[in-house]
Amino acid sequence: MPEPFFDYEAHLAACGRGERQALQDLYVQESPRLLGVARRLVRDTALAEDIVHDAFIKIWAGAAGFDPTRGSARGWIFSITRHLALNVIRDHRRETPMTDDTEFTFHDPIESLDPAGRIHRCLDHLEPERRTCILHAYVDGYSHAQISHKLGTPLGTVKAWIKRSLTALRECMG
């Protein structure tokens, strides 16, 4: 069943004009997935909730400066949340496992000058359906079952693709 259309750009523009209802709508639409992303990164529910709260403050404060020519509105919202979570990880100087069943860890992002660029290049090396699975799991916050349903692919195949893709990403990020 397709998700109903949600106009992220229009809601950000409304936030930029000071319309609080637009922020509330964004919160209702994305906070569960943003919480999932933050929780996967920091591995602490209370800390992830704080990150999502701070993300929505930044979204509200920065909405007027959002530039749709530089990327999608939804991507911008997720980027803010990821950056806040990575800052928390860096500030606490700890390694945080990304998944329960692999040894894939996110190290201090200062290790390289352009970690976002590196991960995008590594994602580009994945086959499209595997990249889609990774993005649904770690950006959209979907479960393996939700990804399987959304793509019409068997659950075991989705799990295998994600596991192999994480291994490939770990090797690429090396």
Protein backbone atom coordinates (compact mmCIF):
# COMPACT_ATOMS: atom_id res chain seq x y z
CA MET A 1 0.00 0.00 0.00
CA PRO A 2 1.66 3.28 -1.07
CA GLU A 3 2.20 5.98 1.52
CA PRO A 4 0.06 9.10 1.10
CA PHE A 5 1.83 12.09 -0.45
CA PHE A 6 3.36 14.51 2.03
CA ASP A 7 4.76 17.81 0.71
CA TYR A 8 7.94 18.28 2.74
CA GLU A 9 9.03 21.40 0.85
CA ALA A 10 5.70 23.14 1.45
CA HIS A 11 5.83 22.27 5.14
CA LEU A 12 9.39 23.60 5.48
CA ALA A 13 8.39 26.79 3.69
CA ALA A 14 5.46 27.16 6.10
CA CYS A 15 7.83 26.61 9.05
CA GLY A 16 10.05 29.32 7.59
CA ARG A 17 7.03 31.65 7.72
CA GLY A 18 6.46 30.77 11.36
CA GLU A 19 3.48 28.44 10.92
CA ARG A 20 3.64 26.11 13.93
CA GLN A 21 1.08 23.67 12.50
CA ALA A 22 3.54 22.86 9.71
CA LEU A 23 6.17 21.87 12.27
CA GLN A 24 3.63 19.74 14.10
CA ASP A 25 2.68 18.04 10.82
CA LEU A 26 6.37 17.36 10.08
CA TYR A 27 6.79 15.95 13.58
CA VAL A 28 3.82 13.61 13.22
CA GLN A 29 5.00 12.52 9.76
CA GLU A 30 8.68 11.86 10.50
CA SER A 31 9.46 11.69 14.21
CA PRO A 32 9.08 7.87 14.47
CA ARG A 33 11.55 7.30 11.61
CA LEU A 34 13.92 10.01 12.85
CA LEU A 35 13.83 8.39 16.28
CA GLY A 36 14.70 5.07 14.65
CA VAL A 37 17.67 6.59 12.84
CA ALA A 38 18.96 8.34 15.97
CA ARG A 39 18.44 5.24 18.12
CA ARG A 40 20.38 3.08 15.65
CA LEU A 41 23.28 5.52 15.78
CA VAL A 42 23.50 6.28 19.52
CA ARG A 43 21.98 3.04 20.86
CA ASP A 44 20.16 4.85 23.66
CA THR A 45 16.44 5.62 23.45
CA ALA A 46 16.45 8.60 25.83
CA LEU A 47 19.44 10.14 24.07
CA ALA A 48 17.81 9.50 20.68
CA GLU A 49 14.63 11.25 21.87
CA ASP A 50 16.73 14.27 22.89
CA ILE A 51 18.40 14.27 19.47
CA VAL A 52 15.04 14.22 17.66
CA HIS A 53 13.79 17.06 19.88
CA ASP A 54 16.92 19.09 19.09
CA ALA A 55 16.54 18.23 15.39
CA PHE A 56 13.04 19.69 15.29
CA ILE A 57 14.30 22.86 16.98
CA LYS A 58 16.97 23.14 14.26
CA ILE A 59 14.42 22.35 11.55
CA TRP A 60 12.16 25.13 12.85
CA ALA A 61 15.02 27.60 13.17
CA GLY A 62 16.57 26.78 9.80
CA ALA A 63 13.51 26.10 7.64
CA ALA A 64 13.60 29.53 6.01
CA GLY A 65 17.14 28.80 4.81
CA PHE A 66 16.32 25.43 3.23
CA ASP A 67 17.34 25.43 -0.44
CA PRO A 68 15.48 22.83 -2.55
CA THR A 69 18.11 23.12 -5.30
CA ARG A 70 20.64 21.50 -2.95
CA GLY A 71 18.57 18.42 -2.13
CA SER A 72 15.23 17.10 -0.99
CA ALA A 73 13.41 18.55 1.99
CA ARG A 74 13.05 15.11 3.55
CA GLY A 75 16.74 14.42 3.06
CA TRP A 76 17.55 17.74 4.74
CA ILE A 77 15.44 16.80 7.76
CA PHE A 78 17.14 13.41 8.06
CA SER A 79 20.55 15.00 7.55
CA ILE A 80 20.01 17.33 10.50
CA THR A 81 19.09 14.38 12.72
CA ARG A 82 22.04 12.27 11.56
CA HIS A 83 24.49 15.14 12.08
CA LEU A 84 23.21 15.74 15.61
CA ALA A 85 23.51 12.03 16.40
CA LEU A 86 27.04 11.88 14.97
CA ASN A 87 28.00 14.93 17.03
CA VAL A 88 26.78 13.14 20.16
CA ILE A 89 28.85 10.09 19.24
CA ARG A 90 31.92 12.26 18.60
CA ASP A 91 31.40 14.19 21.81
CA HIS A 92 31.16 11.00 23.83
CA ARG A 93 34.15 9.48 21.99
CA ARG A 94 32.60 6.06 21.78
CA GLU A 95 31.92 3.45 19.17
CA THR A 96 28.27 2.64 18.58
CA PRO A 97 27.17 -0.58 16.85
CA MET A 98 24.85 -0.02 13.88
CA THR A 99 23.11 -3.39 14.08
CA ASP A 100 22.68 -6.24 16.53
CA ASP A 101 23.94 -8.97 14.20
CA THR A 102 27.06 -7.46 12.65
CA GLU A 103 30.30 -5.95 13.80
CA PHE A 104 29.71 -2.81 11.73
CA THR A 105 30.47 0.23 13.91
CA PHE A 106 30.44 3.96 13.38
CA HIS A 107 33.72 5.46 14.50
CA ASP A 108 34.49 9.06 15.25
CA PRO A 109 33.46 10.93 12.06
CA ILE A 110 36.57 13.12 12.28
CA GLU A 111 38.54 10.12 10.96
CA SER A 112 38.11 11.44 7.44
CA LEU A 113 37.62 14.89 6.01
CA ASP A 114 34.47 13.96 4.10
CA PRO A 115 32.61 11.05 5.73
CA ALA A 116 29.34 11.94 4.00
CA GLY A 117 31.03 11.91 0.61
CA ARG A 118 32.72 8.60 1.36
CA ILE A 119 29.50 6.89 2.39
CA HIS A 120 27.71 8.21 -0.72
CA ARG A 121 30.51 6.87 -2.95
CA CYS A 122 30.34 3.52 -1.17
CA LEU A 123 26.55 3.39 -1.47
CA ASP A 124 26.89 4.10 -5.20
CA HIS A 125 28.91 0.86 -5.54
CA LEU A 126 25.99 -1.22 -4.26
CA GLU A 127 23.45 -2.73 -6.63
CA PRO A 128 20.35 -0.49 -6.75
CA GLU A 129 18.01 -2.88 -4.91
CA ARG A 130 20.58 -3.43 -2.14
CA ARG A 131 21.20 0.31 -1.82
CA THR A 132 17.43 0.81 -1.56
CA CYS A 133 17.25 -1.75 1.27
CA ILE A 134 20.06 -0.01 3.19
CA LEU A 135 18.47 3.41 2.76
CA HIS A 136 15.04 2.15 3.85
CA ALA A 137 16.60 0.52 6.93
CA TYR A 138 18.99 3.26 8.03
CA VAL A 139 17.47 6.45 6.68
CA ASP A 140 13.74 5.73 6.67
CA GLY A 141 13.89 3.55 9.80
CA TYR A 142 11.95 0.65 8.25
CA SER A 143 12.13 -2.87 9.67
CA HIS A 144 13.27 -5.75 7.47
CA ALA A 145 9.64 -6.90 7.23
CA GLN A 146 8.48 -3.43 6.14
CA ILE A 147 11.20 -3.31 3.47
CA SER A 148 10.22 -6.79 2.26
CA HIS A 149 6.59 -5.72 1.94
CA LYS A 150 7.43 -2.37 0.32
CA LEU A 151 9.71 -3.96 -2.31
CA GLY A 152 7.70 -7.15 -2.80
CA THR A 153 10.85 -9.16 -2.04
CA PRO A 154 11.08 -12.20 0.27
CA LEU A 155 12.09 -11.34 3.84
CA GLY A 156 15.10 -13.68 3.75
CA THR A 157 16.38 -12.00 0.60
CA VAL A 158 16.05 -8.54 2.17
CA LYS A 159 17.94 -9.69 5.29
CA ALA A 160 20.71 -11.21 3.17
CA TRP A 161 21.00 -8.11 0.99
CA ILE A 162 21.29 -5.86 4.04
CA LYS A 163 23.87 -8.07 5.73
CA ARG A 164 26.01 -8.35 2.57
CA SER A 165 25.63 -4.65 1.86
CA LEU A 166 26.80 -3.71 5.35
CA THR A 167 29.85 -5.92 4.83
CA ALA A 168 30.54 -4.22 1.48
CA LEU A 169 30.10 -0.77 3.04
CA ARG A 170 32.45 -1.66 5.90
CA GLU A 171 35.09 -2.78 3.40
CA CYS A 172 34.60 0.30 1.23
CA MET A 173 34.79 2.70 4.18
CA GLY A 174 37.83 0.70 5.41
